[in-house]
Amino acid sequence: MKFLISGFEPFGGDAVNPTGALMAALEYEVVEGAVLKTLLLPVHFDECADLLIEEMEAFQPDVVIACGLAKGRTAITPERIAINVKDIPPRSYADNQGQRPVDEPIAVGSPDGLFSTLPIRAMVNDMLTAGIPANVSNTAGTYICNNTMYRVLDYIRLQQLSVRAGFVHFPASTEMAVLEPSVPSLPLPVMLDALRSMIRTILSEAKINIEDGIKK
């Protein structure tokens, strides 16, 4: 199976983004049964999704896992749903090009919400079994992460593709917590183990579905 996995550049005044470091680490990963392709995205509402979709068209993945930072969360959180809105509250930071949309639809005429097609419950259960903090999240927010997840799922819907896709939020890394000790964090190796676990879960679920199809 071909996996396209994306992370983001730093944003919001932070010098690092753990998902960018994860993409660098994944370049050297070998997971049996998987071909991995990584992509680092800019924190810009339109450009990030455009680049990810362009890479989907070029790479033709079976699975897309977009990854982003949710500073303040205490666990790794696969997202259940993306909503069709981009909105930055007045006191929050703009994207890295200074854009600050308010109550704007991501895609006019598209559904209000689109659900992840990744096996998010199995992914969480397998991470918990491995001792990694994880839970299903029911809000991807209204910032770049939600925008990226929605655009990818809407593209798959419109093109009627069989690609499975979704978004996973990661907490701050230990490196970030050195500067902000009150921020919950996880070591980068634990986050990398989580990504490995999620890839293996998706591979396992796909194998089960194929075997069930053969039996039927």
N, C-alpha and C. Protein backbone atom coordinates (compact mmCIF):
# COMPACT_ATOMS: atom_id res chain seq x y z
N MET A 1 0.84 -1.20 0.00
CA MET A 1 0.00 0.00 0.00
C MET A 1 0.87 1.25 0.00
N LYS A 2 0.43 2.26 -0.72
CA LYS A 2 1.16 3.51 -0.81
C LYS A 2 0.57 4.53 0.16
N PHE A 3 1.42 5.04 1.04
CA PHE A 3 1.01 6.01 2.05
C PHE A 3 1.62 7.37 1.73
N LEU A 4 0.77 8.39 1.66
CA LEU A 4 1.24 9.77 1.57
C LEU A 4 0.99 10.40 2.94
N ILE A 5 2.06 10.86 3.57
CA ILE A 5 1.98 11.39 4.93
C ILE A 5 2.54 12.79 4.95
N SER A 6 1.78 13.73 5.48
CA SER A 6 2.21 15.13 5.45
C SER A 6 2.33 15.70 6.86
N GLY A 7 3.23 16.70 6.98
CA GLY A 7 3.37 17.47 8.21
C GLY A 7 3.47 18.94 7.85
N PHE A 8 3.63 19.79 8.87
CA PHE A 8 3.64 21.23 8.65
C PHE A 8 4.93 21.88 9.13
N GLU A 9 5.22 23.03 8.54
CA GLU A 9 6.29 23.89 9.00
C GLU A 9 5.87 24.54 10.33
N PRO A 10 6.82 25.17 11.05
CA PRO A 10 6.46 25.87 12.29
C PRO A 10 5.49 27.03 12.02
N PHE A 11 4.72 27.38 13.04
CA PHE A 11 3.76 28.48 12.92
C PHE A 11 3.47 29.04 14.31
N GLY A 12 2.75 30.14 14.34
CA GLY A 12 2.31 30.71 15.60
C GLY A 12 3.43 31.18 16.51
N GLY A 13 4.59 31.48 15.94
CA GLY A 13 5.71 31.95 16.75
C GLY A 13 6.62 30.86 17.27
N ASP A 14 6.27 29.59 17.05
CA ASP A 14 7.12 28.48 17.49
C ASP A 14 8.26 28.27 16.50
N ALA A 15 9.41 27.88 17.03
CA ALA A 15 10.58 27.65 16.18
C ALA A 15 10.56 26.28 15.52
N VAL A 16 9.78 25.37 16.07
CA VAL A 16 9.72 24.01 15.54
C VAL A 16 8.27 23.54 15.44
N ASN A 17 8.06 22.53 14.63
CA ASN A 17 6.79 21.83 14.55
C ASN A 17 7.13 20.35 14.55
N PRO A 18 6.68 19.59 15.56
CA PRO A 18 7.07 18.18 15.63
C PRO A 18 6.66 17.37 14.41
N THR A 19 5.59 17.79 13.73
CA THR A 19 5.18 17.01 12.55
C THR A 19 6.17 17.17 11.40
N GLY A 20 6.86 18.31 11.35
CA GLY A 20 7.93 18.47 10.36
C GLY A 20 9.08 17.53 10.66
N ALA A 21 9.44 17.42 11.94
CA ALA A 21 10.50 16.49 12.34
C ALA A 21 10.09 15.05 12.07
N LEU A 22 8.82 14.73 12.24
CA LEU A 22 8.34 13.38 11.94
C LEU A 22 8.49 13.05 10.46
N MET A 23 8.20 14.03 9.61
CA MET A 23 8.35 13.78 8.18
C MET A 23 9.81 13.49 7.83
N ALA A 24 10.73 14.22 8.44
CA ALA A 24 12.16 13.98 8.20
C ALA A 24 12.55 12.59 8.66
N ALA A 25 12.03 12.16 9.81
CA ALA A 25 12.36 10.83 10.34
C ALA A 25 11.78 9.72 9.48
N LEU A 26 10.59 9.94 8.93
CA LEU A 26 9.92 8.91 8.14
C LEU A 26 10.62 8.63 6.81
N GLU A 27 11.44 9.56 6.37
CA GLU A 27 12.16 9.36 5.10
C GLU A 27 13.05 8.12 5.17
N TYR A 28 13.43 7.73 6.38
CA TYR A 28 14.33 6.59 6.55
C TYR A 28 13.61 5.36 7.09
N GLU A 29 12.29 5.43 7.20
CA GLU A 29 11.52 4.32 7.75
C GLU A 29 11.23 3.25 6.70
N VAL A 30 11.25 2.01 7.13
CA VAL A 30 10.84 0.89 6.30
C VAL A 30 9.75 0.14 7.06
N VAL A 31 8.55 0.13 6.53
CA VAL A 31 7.43 -0.59 7.13
C VAL A 31 6.99 -1.66 6.15
N GLU A 32 7.06 -2.90 6.57
CA GLU A 32 6.72 -4.01 5.67
C GLU A 32 5.29 -3.86 5.15
N GLY A 33 5.14 -3.94 3.84
CA GLY A 33 3.83 -3.83 3.22
C GLY A 33 3.43 -2.42 2.85
N ALA A 34 4.32 -1.44 3.16
CA ALA A 34 3.97 -0.04 2.89
C ALA A 34 5.06 0.67 2.10
N VAL A 35 4.64 1.53 1.19
CA VAL A 35 5.54 2.47 0.51
C VAL A 35 5.20 3.84 1.06
N LEU A 36 6.19 4.50 1.68
CA LEU A 36 5.93 5.76 2.36
C LEU A 36 6.45 6.95 1.57
N LYS A 37 5.62 7.98 1.45
CA LYS A 37 6.02 9.23 0.81
C LYS A 37 5.65 10.36 1.76
N THR A 38 6.58 11.26 2.07
CA THR A 38 6.30 12.34 3.00
C THR A 38 6.29 13.69 2.28
N LEU A 39 5.60 14.64 2.90
CA LEU A 39 5.48 15.97 2.31
C LEU A 39 5.38 16.99 3.44
N LEU A 40 6.21 18.03 3.39
CA LEU A 40 6.14 19.12 4.36
C LEU A 40 5.32 20.26 3.75
N LEU A 41 4.29 20.69 4.46
CA LEU A 41 3.36 21.68 3.94
C LEU A 41 3.55 23.04 4.59
N PRO A 42 3.27 24.11 3.85
CA PRO A 42 3.28 25.45 4.43
C PRO A 42 2.01 25.68 5.24
N VAL A 43 2.10 26.54 6.25
CA VAL A 43 0.93 26.88 7.05
C VAL A 43 0.23 28.06 6.38
N HIS A 44 -0.49 27.72 5.31
CA HIS A 44 -1.22 28.71 4.53
C HIS A 44 -2.49 28.06 4.03
N PHE A 45 -3.62 28.69 4.26
CA PHE A 45 -4.92 28.06 4.04
C PHE A 45 -5.07 27.41 2.67
N ASP A 46 -4.77 28.12 1.61
CA ASP A 46 -5.02 27.57 0.28
C ASP A 46 -3.86 26.72 -0.22
N GLU A 47 -2.66 27.20 -0.03
CA GLU A 47 -1.49 26.54 -0.61
C GLU A 47 -1.26 25.15 -0.04
N CYS A 48 -1.50 24.98 1.26
CA CYS A 48 -1.20 23.68 1.88
C CYS A 48 -2.01 22.55 1.24
N ALA A 49 -3.31 22.77 1.10
CA ALA A 49 -4.16 21.73 0.52
C ALA A 49 -3.89 21.55 -0.97
N ASP A 50 -3.61 22.65 -1.66
CA ASP A 50 -3.29 22.55 -3.10
C ASP A 50 -2.07 21.66 -3.31
N LEU A 51 -1.03 21.86 -2.50
CA LEU A 51 0.20 21.07 -2.65
C LEU A 51 -0.04 19.60 -2.31
N LEU A 52 -0.83 19.35 -1.27
CA LEU A 52 -1.09 17.97 -0.89
C LEU A 52 -1.90 17.25 -1.97
N ILE A 53 -2.87 17.93 -2.55
CA ILE A 53 -3.67 17.32 -3.61
C ILE A 53 -2.82 17.10 -4.86
N GLU A 54 -1.94 18.04 -5.17
CA GLU A 54 -1.03 17.85 -6.30
C GLU A 54 -0.17 16.60 -6.10
N GLU A 55 0.31 16.40 -4.88
CA GLU A 55 1.12 15.21 -4.59
C GLU A 55 0.29 13.95 -4.65
N MET A 56 -0.97 14.03 -4.27
CA MET A 56 -1.86 12.88 -4.41
C MET A 56 -2.00 12.50 -5.88
N GLU A 57 -2.17 13.48 -6.73
CA GLU A 57 -2.32 13.21 -8.16
C GLU A 57 -1.05 12.59 -8.75
N ALA A 58 0.11 13.01 -8.25
CA ALA A 58 1.37 12.49 -8.77
C ALA A 58 1.71 11.12 -8.21
N PHE A 59 1.48 10.93 -6.91
CA PHE A 59 1.91 9.71 -6.22
C PHE A 59 0.86 8.60 -6.27
N GLN A 60 -0.41 8.99 -6.40
CA GLN A 60 -1.53 8.02 -6.44
C GLN A 60 -1.54 7.13 -5.21
N PRO A 61 -1.64 7.70 -4.01
CA PRO A 61 -1.59 6.89 -2.79
C PRO A 61 -2.87 6.10 -2.55
N ASP A 62 -2.74 5.06 -1.75
CA ASP A 62 -3.91 4.34 -1.25
C ASP A 62 -4.43 4.98 0.03
N VAL A 63 -3.52 5.62 0.76
CA VAL A 63 -3.84 6.20 2.07
C VAL A 63 -3.17 7.56 2.19
N VAL A 64 -3.91 8.53 2.74
CA VAL A 64 -3.33 9.83 3.06
C VAL A 64 -3.50 10.07 4.56
N ILE A 65 -2.39 10.32 5.24
CA ILE A 65 -2.43 10.70 6.66
C ILE A 65 -1.81 12.09 6.78
N ALA A 66 -2.65 13.09 6.99
CA ALA A 66 -2.14 14.45 7.21
C ALA A 66 -1.95 14.63 8.71
N CYS A 67 -0.82 15.22 9.09
CA CYS A 67 -0.47 15.37 10.50
C CYS A 67 -0.29 16.84 10.84
N GLY A 68 -0.68 17.22 12.04
CA GLY A 68 -0.53 18.60 12.47
C GLY A 68 -0.35 18.71 13.96
N LEU A 69 0.05 19.88 14.40
CA LEU A 69 0.31 20.16 15.81
C LEU A 69 -0.93 20.74 16.48
N ALA A 70 -1.29 20.19 17.63
CA ALA A 70 -2.33 20.77 18.48
C ALA A 70 -1.71 21.00 19.85
N LYS A 71 -1.02 22.13 19.99
CA LYS A 71 -0.33 22.43 21.24
C LYS A 71 -1.35 22.60 22.37
N GLY A 72 -1.13 21.90 23.44
CA GLY A 72 -2.08 21.91 24.55
C GLY A 72 -2.77 20.58 24.74
N ARG A 73 -2.85 19.77 23.68
CA ARG A 73 -3.43 18.44 23.83
C ARG A 73 -2.43 17.51 24.51
N THR A 74 -2.97 16.52 25.20
CA THR A 74 -2.12 15.61 25.98
C THR A 74 -1.94 14.25 25.33
N ALA A 75 -2.56 14.05 24.18
CA ALA A 75 -2.52 12.74 23.53
C ALA A 75 -2.48 12.92 22.02
N ILE A 76 -2.17 11.85 21.33
CA ILE A 76 -2.23 11.82 19.87
C ILE A 76 -3.67 11.56 19.47
N THR A 77 -4.21 12.42 18.61
CA THR A 77 -5.66 12.43 18.39
C THR A 77 -6.03 12.36 16.91
N PRO A 78 -6.33 11.18 16.40
CA PRO A 78 -6.94 11.10 15.06
C PRO A 78 -8.28 11.84 15.06
N GLU A 79 -8.51 12.62 14.03
CA GLU A 79 -9.72 13.42 13.94
C GLU A 79 -10.86 12.63 13.29
N ARG A 80 -12.05 12.81 13.85
CA ARG A 80 -13.23 12.11 13.31
C ARG A 80 -13.82 12.84 12.10
N ILE A 81 -13.83 14.19 12.15
CA ILE A 81 -14.57 14.93 11.14
C ILE A 81 -13.90 16.27 10.84
N ALA A 82 -14.03 16.72 9.59
CA ALA A 82 -13.62 18.06 9.19
C ALA A 82 -14.88 18.82 8.79
N ILE A 83 -14.93 20.13 9.11
CA ILE A 83 -16.11 20.92 8.79
C ILE A 83 -15.78 21.98 7.73
N ASN A 84 -16.81 22.36 6.99
CA ASN A 84 -16.62 23.23 5.82
C ASN A 84 -16.59 24.71 6.23
N VAL A 85 -15.59 25.07 7.02
CA VAL A 85 -15.44 26.47 7.40
C VAL A 85 -13.99 26.74 7.76
N LYS A 86 -13.51 27.93 7.41
CA LYS A 86 -12.22 28.40 7.89
C LYS A 86 -12.45 29.70 8.64
N ASP A 87 -11.93 29.71 9.88
CA ASP A 87 -12.26 30.81 10.76
C ASP A 87 -11.15 30.97 11.80
N ILE A 88 -10.59 32.16 11.91
CA ILE A 88 -9.58 32.44 12.91
C ILE A 88 -10.14 33.47 13.89
N PRO A 89 -10.28 33.10 15.16
CA PRO A 89 -10.78 34.06 16.16
C PRO A 89 -9.87 35.29 16.26
N PRO A 90 -10.42 36.41 16.70
CA PRO A 90 -9.66 37.67 16.73
C PRO A 90 -8.34 37.59 17.49
N ARG A 91 -8.27 36.85 18.58
CA ARG A 91 -7.06 36.82 19.39
C ARG A 91 -6.10 35.70 18.98
N SER A 92 -6.46 34.94 17.98
CA SER A 92 -5.59 33.85 17.53
C SER A 92 -4.66 34.35 16.43
N TYR A 93 -3.64 33.52 16.11
CA TYR A 93 -2.65 33.93 15.11
C TYR A 93 -3.16 33.67 13.69
N ALA A 94 -2.71 34.52 12.79
CA ALA A 94 -3.00 34.34 11.37
C ALA A 94 -2.16 33.20 10.82
N ASP A 95 -2.42 32.81 9.56
CA ASP A 95 -1.55 31.82 8.95
C ASP A 95 -0.21 32.48 8.62
N ASN A 96 0.72 31.70 8.10
CA ASN A 96 2.08 32.23 7.91
C ASN A 96 2.21 33.25 6.78
N GLN A 97 1.10 33.51 6.08
CA GLN A 97 1.09 34.59 5.08
C GLN A 97 0.22 35.75 5.53
N GLY A 98 -0.20 35.71 6.80
CA GLY A 98 -0.97 36.81 7.36
C GLY A 98 -2.45 36.75 7.09
N GLN A 99 -2.95 35.68 6.49
CA GLN A 99 -4.38 35.58 6.21
C GLN A 99 -5.15 35.24 7.47
N ARG A 100 -6.31 35.86 7.61
CA ARG A 100 -7.13 35.66 8.79
C ARG A 100 -8.61 35.56 8.37
N PRO A 101 -9.00 34.46 7.74
CA PRO A 101 -10.39 34.32 7.31
C PRO A 101 -11.35 34.21 8.50
N VAL A 102 -12.55 34.69 8.31
CA VAL A 102 -13.58 34.63 9.35
C VAL A 102 -14.87 34.08 8.73
N ASP A 103 -15.34 32.97 9.26
CA ASP A 103 -16.62 32.38 8.84
C ASP A 103 -16.71 32.15 7.34
N GLU A 104 -15.63 31.77 6.70
CA GLU A 104 -15.62 31.52 5.26
C GLU A 104 -15.78 30.02 4.97
N PRO A 105 -16.58 29.66 3.97
CA PRO A 105 -16.64 28.24 3.59
C PRO A 105 -15.33 27.82 2.92
N ILE A 106 -14.95 26.59 3.14
CA ILE A 106 -13.77 26.05 2.46
C ILE A 106 -14.11 25.76 1.01
N ALA A 107 -15.27 25.16 0.78
CA ALA A 107 -15.69 24.78 -0.57
C ALA A 107 -17.19 25.03 -0.70
N VAL A 108 -17.56 26.06 -1.43
CA VAL A 108 -18.97 26.41 -1.61
C VAL A 108 -19.69 25.26 -2.32
N GLY A 109 -20.82 24.85 -1.74
CA GLY A 109 -21.62 23.79 -2.35
C GLY A 109 -21.25 22.40 -1.90
N SER A 110 -20.17 22.26 -1.15
CA SER A 110 -19.78 20.94 -0.64
C SER A 110 -20.45 20.69 0.71
N PRO A 111 -20.41 19.45 1.21
CA PRO A 111 -21.09 19.12 2.47
C PRO A 111 -20.57 19.94 3.65
N ASP A 112 -21.44 20.07 4.67
CA ASP A 112 -21.06 20.80 5.87
C ASP A 112 -19.90 20.12 6.61
N GLY A 113 -19.87 18.79 6.54
CA GLY A 113 -18.81 18.04 7.21
C GLY A 113 -18.47 16.78 6.45
N LEU A 114 -17.23 16.33 6.58
CA LEU A 114 -16.80 15.09 5.95
C LEU A 114 -16.01 14.27 6.99
N PHE A 115 -16.34 12.99 7.08
CA PHE A 115 -15.73 12.13 8.08
C PHE A 115 -14.43 11.49 7.57
N SER A 116 -13.50 11.32 8.47
CA SER A 116 -12.29 10.56 8.16
C SER A 116 -12.66 9.17 7.68
N THR A 117 -11.90 8.65 6.74
CA THR A 117 -12.12 7.28 6.27
C THR A 117 -11.01 6.34 6.76
N LEU A 118 -10.19 6.84 7.69
CA LEU A 118 -9.20 5.99 8.33
C LEU A 118 -9.86 5.20 9.47
N PRO A 119 -9.31 4.04 9.84
CA PRO A 119 -9.87 3.27 10.96
C PRO A 119 -9.45 3.88 12.30
N ILE A 120 -10.02 5.05 12.62
CA ILE A 120 -9.50 5.84 13.74
C ILE A 120 -9.65 5.14 15.09
N ARG A 121 -10.73 4.40 15.29
CA ARG A 121 -10.90 3.72 16.58
C ARG A 121 -9.86 2.62 16.75
N ALA A 122 -9.63 1.85 15.71
CA ALA A 122 -8.61 0.80 15.77
C ALA A 122 -7.22 1.41 15.94
N MET A 123 -6.98 2.54 15.30
CA MET A 123 -5.69 3.21 15.44
C MET A 123 -5.46 3.62 16.89
N VAL A 124 -6.48 4.22 17.50
CA VAL A 124 -6.37 4.64 18.90
C VAL A 124 -6.19 3.43 19.82
N ASN A 125 -6.97 2.40 19.61
CA ASN A 125 -6.86 1.22 20.47
C ASN A 125 -5.47 0.59 20.38
N ASP A 126 -4.92 0.53 19.18
CA ASP A 126 -3.59 -0.06 19.02
C ASP A 126 -2.51 0.82 19.66
N MET A 127 -2.66 2.14 19.56
CA MET A 127 -1.69 3.01 20.23
C MET A 127 -1.78 2.86 21.75
N LEU A 128 -2.98 2.78 22.28
CA LEU A 128 -3.15 2.61 23.72
C LEU A 128 -2.55 1.29 24.20
N THR A 129 -2.74 0.24 23.41
CA THR A 129 -2.16 -1.05 23.74
C THR A 129 -0.64 -0.97 23.79
N ALA A 130 -0.08 -0.13 22.93
CA ALA A 130 1.39 0.06 22.89
C ALA A 130 1.88 1.04 23.95
N GLY A 131 0.96 1.55 24.78
CA GLY A 131 1.35 2.48 25.84
C GLY A 131 1.51 3.91 25.38
N ILE A 132 0.89 4.27 24.26
CA ILE A 132 0.99 5.62 23.71
C ILE A 132 -0.32 6.36 24.00
N PRO A 133 -0.27 7.54 24.61
CA PRO A 133 -1.50 8.29 24.88
C PRO A 133 -2.21 8.64 23.58
N ALA A 134 -3.49 8.28 23.49
CA ALA A 134 -4.24 8.51 22.26
C ALA A 134 -5.72 8.54 22.55
N ASN A 135 -6.45 9.32 21.78
CA ASN A 135 -7.90 9.27 21.80
C ASN A 135 -8.46 9.87 20.52
N VAL A 136 -9.71 9.54 20.21
CA VAL A 136 -10.38 10.10 19.04
C VAL A 136 -10.81 11.53 19.35
N SER A 137 -10.52 12.45 18.44
CA SER A 137 -10.95 13.84 18.60
C SER A 137 -12.15 14.10 17.71
N ASN A 138 -13.09 14.88 18.24
CA ASN A 138 -14.28 15.23 17.48
C ASN A 138 -14.25 16.65 16.95
N THR A 139 -13.11 17.31 17.06
CA THR A 139 -12.98 18.63 16.45
C THR A 139 -11.56 18.86 15.97
N ALA A 140 -11.44 19.13 14.69
CA ALA A 140 -10.14 19.48 14.11
C ALA A 140 -9.94 20.99 14.09
N GLY A 141 -10.87 21.72 14.76
CA GLY A 141 -10.78 23.17 14.80
C GLY A 141 -11.29 23.79 13.51
N THR A 142 -10.89 25.04 13.27
CA THR A 142 -11.28 25.74 12.03
C THR A 142 -10.07 26.40 11.39
N TYR A 143 -8.90 25.91 11.74
CA TYR A 143 -7.65 26.50 11.25
C TYR A 143 -7.12 25.66 10.08
N ILE A 144 -5.82 25.69 9.86
CA ILE A 144 -5.19 25.04 8.70
C ILE A 144 -5.42 23.52 8.70
N CYS A 145 -5.37 22.91 9.87
CA CYS A 145 -5.49 21.45 9.93
C CYS A 145 -6.85 20.99 9.44
N ASN A 146 -7.91 21.61 9.96
CA ASN A 146 -9.25 21.29 9.49
C ASN A 146 -9.39 21.57 8.00
N ASN A 147 -8.84 22.70 7.56
CA ASN A 147 -8.90 23.08 6.15
C ASN A 147 -8.27 22.01 5.26
N THR A 148 -7.10 21.52 5.68
CA THR A 148 -6.38 20.51 4.91
C THR A 148 -7.16 19.20 4.86
N MET A 149 -7.64 18.77 6.02
CA MET A 149 -8.41 17.52 6.09
C MET A 149 -9.66 17.61 5.21
N TYR A 150 -10.38 18.74 5.31
CA TYR A 150 -11.61 18.88 4.53
C TYR A 150 -11.33 18.87 3.04
N ARG A 151 -10.34 19.64 2.61
CA ARG A 151 -10.04 19.73 1.18
C ARG A 151 -9.66 18.37 0.59
N VAL A 152 -8.87 17.60 1.33
CA VAL A 152 -8.45 16.28 0.85
C VAL A 152 -9.66 15.35 0.73
N LEU A 153 -10.49 15.32 1.77
CA LEU A 153 -11.66 14.44 1.75
C LEU A 153 -12.65 14.86 0.67
N ASP A 154 -12.78 16.17 0.45
CA ASP A 154 -13.70 16.65 -0.58
C ASP A 154 -13.17 16.31 -1.97
N TYR A 155 -11.87 16.41 -2.15
CA TYR A 155 -11.26 16.03 -3.43
C TYR A 155 -11.50 14.55 -3.71
N ILE A 156 -11.31 13.72 -2.71
CA ILE A 156 -11.54 12.28 -2.87
C ILE A 156 -13.01 12.01 -3.21
N ARG A 157 -13.91 12.73 -2.52
CA ARG A 157 -15.34 12.57 -2.78
C ARG A 157 -15.69 12.96 -4.21
N LEU A 158 -15.20 14.11 -4.65
CA LEU A 158 -15.54 14.60 -5.99
C LEU A 158 -14.95 13.74 -7.09
N GLN A 159 -13.75 13.21 -6.85
CA GLN A 159 -13.09 12.37 -7.86
C GLN A 159 -13.50 10.90 -7.76
N GLN A 160 -14.31 10.59 -6.73
CA GLN A 160 -14.79 9.22 -6.50
C GLN A 160 -13.62 8.23 -6.40
N LEU A 161 -12.64 8.61 -5.59
CA LEU A 161 -11.45 7.78 -5.41
C LEU A 161 -11.66 6.79 -4.26
N SER A 162 -10.91 5.71 -4.28
CA SER A 162 -10.97 4.72 -3.20
C SER A 162 -9.90 4.97 -2.14
N VAL A 163 -9.31 6.15 -2.15
CA VAL A 163 -8.26 6.50 -1.20
C VAL A 163 -8.86 6.69 0.19
N ARG A 164 -8.18 6.15 1.21
CA ARG A 164 -8.58 6.39 2.59
C ARG A 164 -7.76 7.56 3.13
N ALA A 165 -8.41 8.46 3.85
CA ALA A 165 -7.70 9.67 4.26
C ALA A 165 -8.26 10.21 5.58
N GLY A 166 -7.40 10.94 6.27
CA GLY A 166 -7.80 11.58 7.50
C GLY A 166 -6.68 12.43 8.07
N PHE A 167 -6.89 12.92 9.26
CA PHE A 167 -5.95 13.84 9.90
C PHE A 167 -5.66 13.38 11.32
N VAL A 168 -4.41 13.58 11.73
CA VAL A 168 -3.99 13.23 13.09
C VAL A 168 -3.29 14.42 13.72
N HIS A 169 -3.74 14.82 14.91
CA HIS A 169 -3.09 15.88 15.66
C HIS A 169 -2.11 15.31 16.67
N PHE A 170 -0.96 15.96 16.79
CA PHE A 170 0.07 15.56 17.74
C PHE A 170 0.28 16.68 18.77
N PRO A 171 0.58 16.32 20.02
CA PRO A 171 0.89 17.34 21.02
C PRO A 171 2.23 18.02 20.73
N ALA A 172 2.56 18.99 21.55
CA ALA A 172 3.88 19.61 21.48
C ALA A 172 4.94 18.55 21.78
N SER A 173 6.13 18.78 21.23
CA SER A 173 7.25 17.88 21.51
C SER A 173 7.97 18.33 22.78
N THR A 174 8.76 17.43 23.35
CA THR A 174 9.54 17.76 24.53
C THR A 174 10.45 18.96 24.27
N GLU A 175 10.97 19.05 23.06
CA GLU A 175 11.81 20.19 22.67
C GLU A 175 11.06 21.51 22.85
N MET A 176 9.78 21.53 22.50
CA MET A 176 8.98 22.74 22.64
C MET A 176 8.70 23.04 24.12
N ALA A 177 8.52 21.98 24.91
CA ALA A 177 8.18 22.15 26.32
C ALA A 177 9.35 22.70 27.14
N VAL A 178 10.55 22.60 26.61
CA VAL A 178 11.70 23.20 27.30
C VAL A 178 11.50 24.71 27.42
N LEU A 179 10.93 25.31 26.39
CA LEU A 179 10.68 26.75 26.40
C LEU A 179 9.35 27.10 27.06
N GLU A 180 8.41 26.15 27.06
CA GLU A 180 7.11 26.35 27.69
C GLU A 180 6.80 25.15 28.58
N PRO A 181 7.36 25.12 29.79
CA PRO A 181 7.24 23.94 30.66
C PRO A 181 5.81 23.55 31.01
N SER A 182 4.88 24.51 30.95
CA SER A 182 3.50 24.19 31.31
C SER A 182 2.72 23.50 30.19
N VAL A 183 3.31 23.45 28.99
CA VAL A 183 2.61 22.85 27.84
C VAL A 183 2.78 21.33 27.87
N PRO A 184 1.68 20.57 27.79
CA PRO A 184 1.80 19.10 27.71
C PRO A 184 2.62 18.70 26.49
N SER A 185 3.42 17.64 26.64
CA SER A 185 4.29 17.27 25.52
C SER A 185 4.55 15.77 25.52
N LEU A 186 5.04 15.30 24.39
CA LEU A 186 5.50 13.92 24.23
C LEU A 186 6.85 13.95 23.54
N PRO A 187 7.73 12.99 23.85
CA PRO A 187 9.01 12.92 23.13
C PRO A 187 8.78 12.55 21.67
N LEU A 188 9.61 13.08 20.80
CA LEU A 188 9.48 12.80 19.38
C LEU A 188 9.53 11.30 19.07
N PRO A 189 10.41 10.50 19.72
CA PRO A 189 10.41 9.06 19.43
C PRO A 189 9.07 8.38 19.71
N VAL A 190 8.34 8.86 20.73
CA VAL A 190 7.01 8.30 21.02
C VAL A 190 6.04 8.65 19.89
N MET A 191 6.13 9.87 19.38
CA MET A 191 5.26 10.26 18.26
C MET A 191 5.58 9.44 17.01
N LEU A 192 6.86 9.17 16.81
CA LEU A 192 7.24 8.36 15.65
C LEU A 192 6.72 6.93 15.82
N ASP A 193 6.79 6.40 17.03
CA ASP A 193 6.21 5.08 17.30
C ASP A 193 4.71 5.09 17.02
N ALA A 194 4.06 6.20 17.35
CA ALA A 194 2.62 6.31 17.10
C ALA A 194 2.32 6.26 15.61
N LEU A 195 3.11 6.96 14.82
CA LEU A 195 2.91 6.92 13.37
C LEU A 195 3.13 5.52 12.82
N ARG A 196 4.18 4.86 13.30
CA ARG A 196 4.41 3.48 12.87
C ARG A 196 3.21 2.60 13.22
N SER A 197 2.70 2.78 14.43
CA SER A 197 1.55 1.99 14.89
C SER A 197 0.34 2.24 14.00
N MET A 198 0.07 3.51 13.66
CA MET A 198 -1.09 3.82 12.83
C MET A 198 -0.97 3.23 11.43
N ILE A 199 0.23 3.26 10.89
CA ILE A 199 0.46 2.66 9.57
C ILE A 199 0.20 1.16 9.61
N ARG A 200 0.71 0.52 10.65
CA ARG A 200 0.50 -0.94 10.78
C ARG A 200 -0.97 -1.26 10.97
N THR A 201 -1.68 -0.43 11.72
CA THR A 201 -3.12 -0.66 11.92
C THR A 201 -3.87 -0.58 10.60
N ILE A 202 -3.56 0.42 9.81
CA ILE A 202 -4.23 0.59 8.51
C ILE A 202 -3.92 -0.59 7.60
N LEU A 203 -2.67 -1.04 7.60
CA LEU A 203 -2.30 -2.22 6.81
C LEU A 203 -3.08 -3.45 7.27
N SER A 204 -3.19 -3.62 8.58
CA SER A 204 -3.89 -4.77 9.14
C SER A 204 -5.37 -4.73 8.80
N GLU A 205 -5.98 -3.55 8.92
CA GLU A 205 -7.40 -3.40 8.59
C GLU A 205 -7.65 -3.68 7.11
N ALA A 206 -6.75 -3.22 6.25
CA ALA A 206 -6.89 -3.46 4.81
C ALA A 206 -6.80 -4.95 4.50
N LYS A 207 -5.88 -5.64 5.18
CA LYS A 207 -5.72 -7.08 4.97
C LYS A 207 -6.98 -7.82 5.39
N ILE A 208 -7.56 -7.42 6.52
CA ILE A 208 -8.78 -8.06 7.00
C ILE A 208 -9.92 -7.84 5.99
N ASN A 209 -10.03 -6.62 5.47
CA ASN A 209 -11.10 -6.32 4.50
C ASN A 209 -10.92 -7.13 3.23
N ILE A 210 -9.68 -7.30 2.77
CA ILE A 210 -9.42 -8.11 1.57
C ILE A 210 -9.80 -9.57 1.81
N GLU A 211 -9.40 -10.09 2.98
CA GLU A 211 -9.72 -11.48 3.31
C GLU A 211 -11.22 -11.70 3.44
N ASP A 212 -11.93 -10.71 4.02
CA ASP A 212 -13.39 -10.81 4.13
C ASP A 212 -14.02 -10.81 2.75
N GLY A 213 -13.48 -9.99 1.84
CA GLY A 213 -14.00 -9.94 0.49
C GLY A 213 -13.81 -11.25 -0.24
N ILE A 214 -12.67 -11.90 -0.03
CA ILE A 214 -12.42 -13.18 -0.65
C ILE A 214 -13.38 -14.25 -0.14
N LYS A 215 -13.63 -14.22 1.19
CA LYS A 215 -14.53 -15.21 1.79
C LYS A 215 -15.96 -15.05 1.27
N LYS A 216 -16.35 -13.77 1.04
CA LYS A 216 -17.71 -13.53 0.54
C LYS A 216 -17.85 -13.99 -0.90
